[in-house]
Structures are given as C-alpha cells and as structure tokens.
Amino acid sequence: MAHERIEINREIMGGRPVIRGTRVPVELVLRKLGAGMSAKAILADHPRLTLEDIRAAQAFAADYIADEELVYR
C-alpha cells in the first residue's frame, strides 16, 4: 500500500521512515502515542505535523506489521 505522507530515503535519517517533508521518524510518533501522548500534544511538540500525518504513521505501521511473518514459539 502506498503511503503518500511517509518517505523512506537513505539521505534522510539513514533511510528510516519519516513524515514526508520532515525529519520526524514514524517511530517517534508511534512511541509518543504509545507512551500516552495525545495527538494534540504531539502536534504541539512538532508544529510542522498535522493530524493526518499522525494517522499516516499509524496506518504505515499497521501495514508494515500486516506484512510481517509471525513466528510463535
């Protein structure tokens, strides 16, 4: 699935997925959400982001996990 708001470029943050047009890694957005930060607080920390960017980070992660092969032990 294409993610227009997510960019992967070796020249930006070593190729880690970032919000397009920023140096904000998808991982950082997800970690902040996981730590209980609200979208409003994340937007205050990163004024260049939008609510749509936060949702795109979540959708990107969900699609990435959906393609993972899970191993149960």
PDB file of N, CA and C in Angstrom:
ATOM      1  N   MET A   1       0.850  -1.180   0.000  1.00  0.00           N
ATOM      2  CA  MET A   1       0.000   0.000   0.000  1.00  0.00           C
ATOM      3  C   MET A   1       0.894   1.240   0.000  1.00  0.00           C
ATOM      4  N   ALA A   2       0.577   2.195  -0.837  1.00  0.00           N
ATOM      5  CA  ALA A   2       1.344   3.442  -0.919  1.00  0.00           C
ATOM      6  C   ALA A   2       0.953   4.371   0.229  1.00  0.00           C
ATOM      7  N   HIS A   3       1.944   5.014   0.768  1.00  0.00           N
ATOM      8  CA  HIS A   3       1.722   5.957   1.858  1.00  0.00           C
ATOM      9  C   HIS A   3       2.299   7.303   1.436  1.00  0.00           C
ATOM     10  N   GLU A   4       1.437   8.174   0.958  1.00  0.00           N
ATOM     11  CA  GLU A   4       1.870   9.456   0.414  1.00  0.00           C
ATOM     12  C   GLU A   4       2.546  10.341   1.446  1.00  0.00           C
ATOM     13  N   ARG A   5       2.192  10.223   2.701  1.00  0.00           N
ATOM     14  CA  ARG A   5       2.738  11.095   3.739  1.00  0.00           C
ATOM     15  C   ARG A   5       4.003  10.537   4.393  1.00  0.00           C
ATOM     16  N   ILE A   6       4.389   9.332   4.003  1.00  0.00           N
ATOM     17  CA  ILE A   6       5.570   8.692   4.586  1.00  0.00           C
ATOM     18  C   ILE A   6       6.655   8.613   3.514  1.00  0.00           C
ATOM     19  N   GLU A   7       7.875   8.943   3.923  1.00  0.00           N
ATOM     20  CA  GLU A   7       9.002   8.936   2.992  1.00  0.00           C
ATOM     21  C   GLU A   7      10.123   8.060   3.551  1.00  0.00           C
ATOM     22  N   ILE A   8      10.720   7.269   2.668  1.00  0.00           N
ATOM     23  CA  ILE A   8      11.901   6.479   3.024  1.00  0.00           C
ATOM     24  C   ILE A   8      12.981   6.853   2.021  1.00  0.00           C
ATOM     25  N   ASN A   9      14.048   7.469   2.545  1.00  0.00           N
ATOM     26  CA  ASN A   9      15.129   7.969   1.701  1.00  0.00           C
ATOM     27  C   ASN A   9      16.425   7.807   2.487  1.00  0.00           C
ATOM     28  N   ARG A  10      17.393   7.110   1.913  1.00  0.00           N
ATOM     29  CA  ARG A  10      18.663   6.867   2.614  1.00  0.00           C
ATOM     30  C   ARG A  10      19.346   8.152   3.061  1.00  0.00           C
ATOM     31  N   GLU A  11      19.073   9.234   2.385  1.00  0.00           N
ATOM     32  CA  GLU A  11      19.707  10.516   2.704  1.00  0.00           C
ATOM     33  C   GLU A  11      19.039  11.223   3.886  1.00  0.00           C
ATOM     34  N   ILE A  12      17.890  10.737   4.303  1.00  0.00           N
ATOM     35  CA  ILE A  12      17.149  11.363   5.402  1.00  0.00           C
ATOM     36  C   ILE A  12      17.042  10.355   6.542  1.00  0.00           C
ATOM     37  N   MET A  13      17.612  10.695   7.678  1.00  0.00           N
ATOM     38  CA  MET A  13      17.552   9.862   8.886  1.00  0.00           C
ATOM     39  C   MET A  13      17.999   8.427   8.605  1.00  0.00           C
ATOM     40  N   GLY A  14      18.994   8.273   7.746  1.00  0.00           N
ATOM     41  CA  GLY A  14      19.549   6.943   7.468  1.00  0.00           C
ATOM     42  C   GLY A  14      18.580   5.977   6.815  1.00  0.00           C
ATOM     43  N   GLY A  15      17.548   6.482   6.170  1.00  0.00           N
ATOM     44  CA  GLY A  15      16.590   5.619   5.490  1.00  0.00           C
ATOM     45  C   GLY A  15      15.427   5.158   6.349  1.00  0.00           C
ATOM     46  N   ARG A  16      15.346   5.685   7.571  1.00  0.00           N
ATOM     47  CA  ARG A  16      14.203   5.332   8.421  1.00  0.00           C
ATOM     48  C   ARG A  16      12.954   6.025   7.884  1.00  0.00           C
ATOM     49  N   PRO A  17      11.788   5.413   8.013  1.00  0.00           N
ATOM     50  CA  PRO A  17      10.562   6.058   7.551  1.00  0.00           C
ATOM     51  C   PRO A  17      10.300   7.336   8.354  1.00  0.00           C
ATOM     52  N   VAL A  18      10.051   8.429   7.642  1.00  0.00           N
ATOM     53  CA  VAL A  18       9.762   9.714   8.271  1.00  0.00           C
ATOM     54  C   VAL A  18       8.488  10.292   7.671  1.00  0.00           C
ATOM     55  N   ILE A  19       7.933  11.266   8.371  1.00  0.00           N
ATOM     56  CA  ILE A  19       6.808  12.008   7.816  1.00  0.00           C
ATOM     57  C   ILE A  19       7.367  12.860   6.680  1.00  0.00           C
ATOM     58  N   ARG A  20       6.789  12.739   5.504  1.00  0.00           N
ATOM     59  CA  ARG A  20       7.293  13.425   4.311  1.00  0.00           C
ATOM     60  C   ARG A  20       7.487  14.917   4.569  1.00  0.00           C
ATOM     61  N   GLY A  21       8.638  15.410   4.119  1.00  0.00           N
ATOM     62  CA  GLY A  21       8.936  16.825   4.250  1.00  0.00           C
ATOM     63  C   GLY A  21       9.478  17.221   5.610  1.00  0.00           C
ATOM     64  N   THR A  22       9.694  16.223   6.475  1.00  0.00           N
ATOM     65  CA  THR A  22      10.222  16.490   7.817  1.00  0.00           C
ATOM     66  C   THR A  22      11.343  15.495   8.093  1.00  0.00           C
ATOM     67  N   ARG A  23      11.938  15.633   9.242  1.00  0.00           N
ATOM     68  CA  ARG A  23      12.898  14.643   9.725  1.00  0.00           C
ATOM     69  C   ARG A  23      12.315  13.936  10.957  1.00  0.00           C
ATOM     70  N   VAL A  24      10.999  13.916  11.040  1.00  0.00           N
ATOM     71  CA  VAL A  24      10.315  13.283  12.176  1.00  0.00           C
ATOM     72  C   VAL A  24      10.057  11.814  11.827  1.00  0.00           C
ATOM     73  N   PRO A  25      10.759  10.899  12.517  1.00  0.00           N
ATOM     74  CA  PRO A  25      10.564   9.476  12.220  1.00  0.00           C
ATOM     75  C   PRO A  25       9.171   8.978  12.618  1.00  0.00           C
ATOM     76  N   VAL A  26       8.652   8.074  11.818  1.00  0.00           N
ATOM     77  CA  VAL A  26       7.384   7.413  12.138  1.00  0.00           C
ATOM     78  C   VAL A  26       7.485   6.775  13.519  1.00  0.00           C
ATOM     79  N   GLU A  27       8.623   6.159  13.800  1.00  0.00           N
ATOM     80  CA  GLU A  27       8.824   5.501  15.097  1.00  0.00           C
ATOM     81  C   GLU A  27       8.620   6.465  16.257  1.00  0.00           C
ATOM     82  N   LEU A  28       9.115   7.684  16.141  1.00  0.00           N
ATOM     83  CA  LEU A  28       8.970   8.674  17.218  1.00  0.00           C
ATOM     84  C   LEU A  28       7.499   8.987  17.467  1.00  0.00           C
ATOM     85  N   VAL A  29       6.754   9.167  16.391  1.00  0.00           N
ATOM     86  CA  VAL A  29       5.321   9.451  16.525  1.00  0.00           C
ATOM     87  C   VAL A  29       4.628   8.289  17.232  1.00  0.00           C
ATOM     88  N   LEU A  30       4.947   7.065  16.817  1.00  0.00           N
ATOM     89  CA  LEU A  30       4.314   5.891  17.414  1.00  0.00           C
ATOM     90  C   LEU A  30       4.701   5.720  18.877  1.00  0.00           C
ATOM     91  N   ARG A  31       5.952   5.974  19.195  1.00  0.00           N
ATOM     92  CA  ARG A  31       6.386   5.857  20.592  1.00  0.00           C
ATOM     93  C   ARG A  31       5.683   6.883  21.482  1.00  0.00           C
ATOM     94  N   LYS A  32       5.509   8.080  20.967  1.00  0.00           N
ATOM     95  CA  LYS A  32       4.812   9.104  21.748  1.00  0.00           C
ATOM     96  C   LYS A  32       3.358   8.707  21.969  1.00  0.00           C
ATOM     97  N   LEU A  33       2.717   8.188  20.940  1.00  0.00           N
ATOM     98  CA  LEU A  33       1.339   7.720  21.104  1.00  0.00           C
ATOM     99  C   LEU A  33       1.290   6.575  22.105  1.00  0.00           C
ATOM    100  N   GLY A  34       2.247   5.643  21.989  1.00  0.00           N
ATOM    101  CA  GLY A  34       2.301   4.501  22.893  1.00  0.00           C
ATOM    102  C   GLY A  34       2.558   4.890  24.339  1.00  0.00           C
ATOM    103  N   ALA A  35       3.234   6.012  24.521  1.00  0.00           N
ATOM    104  CA  ALA A  35       3.518   6.499  25.878  1.00  0.00           C
ATOM    105  C   ALA A  35       2.334   7.260  26.458  1.00  0.00           C
ATOM    106  N   GLY A  36       1.278   7.389  25.664  1.00  0.00           N
ATOM    107  CA  GLY A  36       0.074   8.043  26.167  1.00  0.00           C
ATOM    108  C   GLY A  36      -0.076   9.498  25.773  1.00  0.00           C
ATOM    109  N   MET A  37       0.832  10.010  24.945  1.00  0.00           N
ATOM    110  CA  MET A  37       0.685  11.400  24.500  1.00  0.00           C
ATOM    111  C   MET A  37      -0.521  11.508  23.574  1.00  0.00           C
ATOM    112  N   SER A  38      -1.205  12.602  23.683  1.00  0.00           N
ATOM    113  CA  SER A  38      -2.334  12.843  22.790  1.00  0.00           C
ATOM    114  C   SER A  38      -1.804  13.380  21.462  1.00  0.00           C
ATOM    115  N   ALA A  39      -2.620  13.255  20.441  1.00  0.00           N
ATOM    116  CA  ALA A  39      -2.247  13.814  19.140  1.00  0.00           C
ATOM    117  C   ALA A  39      -2.011  15.316  19.273  1.00  0.00           C
ATOM    118  N   LYS A  40      -2.827  15.961  20.076  1.00  0.00           N
ATOM    119  CA  LYS A  40      -2.680  17.404  20.276  1.00  0.00           C
ATOM    120  C   LYS A  40      -1.307  17.744  20.870  1.00  0.00           C
ATOM    121  N   ALA A  41      -0.847  16.950  21.822  1.00  0.00           N
ATOM    122  CA  ALA A  41       0.470  17.179  22.438  1.00  0.00           C
ATOM    123  C   ALA A  41       1.593  16.928  21.440  1.00  0.00           C
ATOM    124  N   ILE A  42       1.443  15.903  20.608  1.00  0.00           N
ATOM    125  CA  ILE A  42       2.452  15.621  19.587  1.00  0.00           C
ATOM    126  C   ILE A  42       2.515  16.780  18.593  1.00  0.00           C
ATOM    127  N   LEU A  43       1.372  17.283  18.202  1.00  0.00           N
ATOM    128  CA  LEU A  43       1.340  18.416  17.266  1.00  0.00           C
ATOM    129  C   LEU A  43       1.970  19.655  17.885  1.00  0.00           C
ATOM    130  N   ALA A  44       1.820  19.830  19.181  1.00  0.00           N
ATOM    131  CA  ALA A  44       2.448  20.966  19.861  1.00  0.00           C
ATOM    132  C   ALA A  44       3.972  20.807  19.865  1.00  0.00           C
ATOM    133  N   ASP A  45       4.459  19.571  20.035  1.00  0.00           N
ATOM    134  CA  ASP A  45       5.893  19.298  20.014  1.00  0.00           C
ATOM    135  C   ASP A  45       6.493  19.430  18.612  1.00  0.00           C
ATOM    136  N   HIS A  46       5.684  19.129  17.606  1.00  0.00           N
ATOM    137  CA  HIS A  46       6.147  19.111  16.214  1.00  0.00           C
ATOM    138  C   HIS A  46       5.161  19.909  15.353  1.00  0.00           C
ATOM    139  N   PRO A  47       5.284  21.236  15.371  1.00  0.00           N
ATOM    140  CA  PRO A  47       4.297  22.097  14.707  1.00  0.00           C
ATOM    141  C   PRO A  47       4.137  21.880  13.199  1.00  0.00           C
ATOM    142  N   ARG A  48       5.128  21.258  12.559  1.00  0.00           N
ATOM    143  CA  ARG A  48       5.013  21.020  11.110  1.00  0.00           C
ATOM    144  C   ARG A  48       4.118  19.821  10.797  1.00  0.00           C
ATOM    145  N   LEU A  49       3.826  19.011  11.803  1.00  0.00           N
ATOM    146  CA  LEU A  49       2.974  17.841  11.578  1.00  0.00           C
ATOM    147  C   LEU A  49       1.500  18.226  11.595  1.00  0.00           C
ATOM    148  N   THR A  50       0.705  17.355  10.998  1.00  0.00           N
ATOM    149  CA  THR A  50      -0.748  17.507  11.022  1.00  0.00           C
ATOM    150  C   THR A  50      -1.356  16.233  11.612  1.00  0.00           C
ATOM    151  N   LEU A  51      -2.615  16.303  11.941  1.00  0.00           N
ATOM    152  CA  LEU A  51      -3.310  15.117  12.433  1.00  0.00           C
ATOM    153  C   LEU A  51      -3.264  14.010  11.381  1.00  0.00           C
ATOM    154  N   GLU A  52      -3.348  14.377  10.114  1.00  0.00           N
ATOM    155  CA  GLU A  52      -3.282  13.395   9.034  1.00  0.00           C
ATOM    156  C   GLU A  52      -1.920  12.695   9.005  1.00  0.00           C
ATOM    157  N   ASP A  53      -0.849  13.433   9.354  1.00  0.00           N
ATOM    158  CA  ASP A  53       0.480  12.822   9.420  1.00  0.00           C
ATOM    159  C   ASP A  53       0.534  11.759  10.514  1.00  0.00           C
ATOM    160  N   ILE A  54      -0.062  12.059  11.657  1.00  0.00           N
ATOM    161  CA  ILE A  54      -0.082  11.093  12.764  1.00  0.00           C
ATOM    162  C   ILE A  54      -0.864   9.854  12.356  1.00  0.00           C
ATOM    163  N   ARG A  55      -1.988  10.053  11.722  1.00  0.00           N
ATOM    164  CA  ARG A  55      -2.788   8.913  11.253  1.00  0.00           C
ATOM    165  C   ARG A  55      -2.035   8.114  10.192  1.00  0.00           C
ATOM    166  N   ALA A  56      -1.288   8.808   9.337  1.00  0.00           N
ATOM    167  CA  ALA A  56      -0.497   8.119   8.309  1.00  0.00           C
ATOM    168  C   ALA A  56       0.593   7.266   8.945  1.00  0.00           C
ATOM    169  N   ALA A  57       1.205   7.752  10.021  1.00  0.00           N
ATOM    170  CA  ALA A  57       2.219   6.972  10.724  1.00  0.00           C
ATOM    171  C   ALA A  57       1.608   5.695  11.288  1.00  0.00           C
ATOM    172  N   GLN A  58       0.421   5.801  11.850  1.00  0.00           N
ATOM    173  CA  GLN A  58      -0.264   4.626  12.391  1.00  0.00           C
ATOM    174  C   GLN A  58      -0.628   3.643  11.274  1.00  0.00           C
ATOM    175  N   ALA A  59      -1.125   4.156  10.165  1.00  0.00           N
ATOM    176  CA  ALA A  59      -1.505   3.294   9.042  1.00  0.00           C
ATOM    177  C   ALA A  59      -0.274   2.609   8.449  1.00  0.00           C
ATOM    178  N   PHE A  60       0.840   3.338   8.342  1.00  0.00           N
ATOM    179  CA  PHE A  60       2.072   2.758   7.834  1.00  0.00           C
ATOM    180  C   PHE A  60       2.521   1.606   8.727  1.00  0.00           C
ATOM    181  N   ALA A  61       2.501   1.814  10.028  1.00  0.00           N
ATOM    182  CA  ALA A  61       2.913   0.772  10.973  1.00  0.00           C
ATOM    183  C   ALA A  61       1.989  -0.445  10.871  1.00  0.00           C
ATOM    184  N   ALA A  62       0.701  -0.207  10.768  1.00  0.00           N
ATOM    185  CA  ALA A  62      -0.254  -1.319  10.663  1.00  0.00           C
ATOM    186  C   ALA A  62       0.008  -2.125   9.398  1.00  0.00           C
ATOM    187  N   ASP A  63       0.254  -1.453   8.282  1.00  0.00           N
ATOM    188  CA  ASP A  63       0.535  -2.156   7.031  1.00  0.00           C
ATOM    189  C   ASP A  63       1.855  -2.909   7.112  1.00  0.00           C
ATOM    190  N   TYR A  64       2.849  -2.318   7.751  1.00  0.00           N
ATOM    191  CA  TYR A  64       4.148  -2.970   7.914  1.00  0.00           C
ATOM    192  C   TYR A  64       3.996  -4.256   8.723  1.00  0.00           C
ATOM    193  N   ILE A  65       3.264  -4.174   9.823  1.00  0.00           N
ATOM    194  CA  ILE A  65       3.055  -5.348  10.678  1.00  0.00           C
ATOM    195  C   ILE A  65       2.227  -6.404   9.955  1.00  0.00           C
ATOM    196  N   ALA A  66       1.272  -5.976   9.164  1.00  0.00           N
ATOM    197  CA  ALA A  66       0.423  -6.921   8.440  1.00  0.00           C
ATOM    198  C   ALA A  66       1.243  -7.777   7.476  1.00  0.00           C
ATOM    199  N   ASP A  67       2.349  -7.244   6.992  1.00  0.00           N
ATOM    200  CA  ASP A  67       3.200  -7.982   6.058  1.00  0.00           C
ATOM    201  C   ASP A  67       4.271  -8.819   6.747  1.00  0.00           C
ATOM    202  N   GLU A  68       4.376  -8.708   8.071  1.00  0.00           N
ATOM    203  CA  GLU A  68       5.371  -9.463   8.827  1.00  0.00           C
ATOM    204  C   GLU A  68       4.952 -10.932   8.912  1.00  0.00           C
ATOM    205  N   GLU A  69       5.928 -11.792   8.898  1.00  0.00           N
ATOM    206  CA  GLU A  69       5.671 -13.200   9.137  1.00  0.00           C
ATOM    207  C   GLU A  69       5.896 -13.459  10.611  1.00  0.00           C
ATOM    208  N   LEU A  70       4.873 -13.854  11.315  1.00  0.00           N
ATOM    209  CA  LEU A  70       4.965 -14.070  12.750  1.00  0.00           C
ATOM    210  C   LEU A  70       5.442 -15.481  13.051  1.00  0.00           C
ATOM    211  N   VAL A  71       6.302 -15.595  14.030  1.00  0.00           N
ATOM    212  CA  VAL A  71       6.798 -16.891  14.470  1.00  0.00           C
ATOM    213  C   VAL A  71       6.389 -17.080  15.920  1.00  0.00           C
ATOM    214  N   TYR A  72       5.637 -18.139  16.175  1.00  0.00           N
ATOM    215  CA  TYR A  72       5.190 -18.437  17.533  1.00  0.00           C
ATOM    216  C   TYR A  72       6.049 -19.558  18.099  1.00  0.00           C
ATOM    217  N   ARG A  73       6.490 -19.394  19.328  1.00  0.00           N
ATOM    218  CA  ARG A  73       7.328 -20.431  19.949  1.00  0.00           C
ATOM    219  C   ARG A  73       6.628 -21.037  21.121  1.00  0.00           C
TER     220      ARG A  73
END
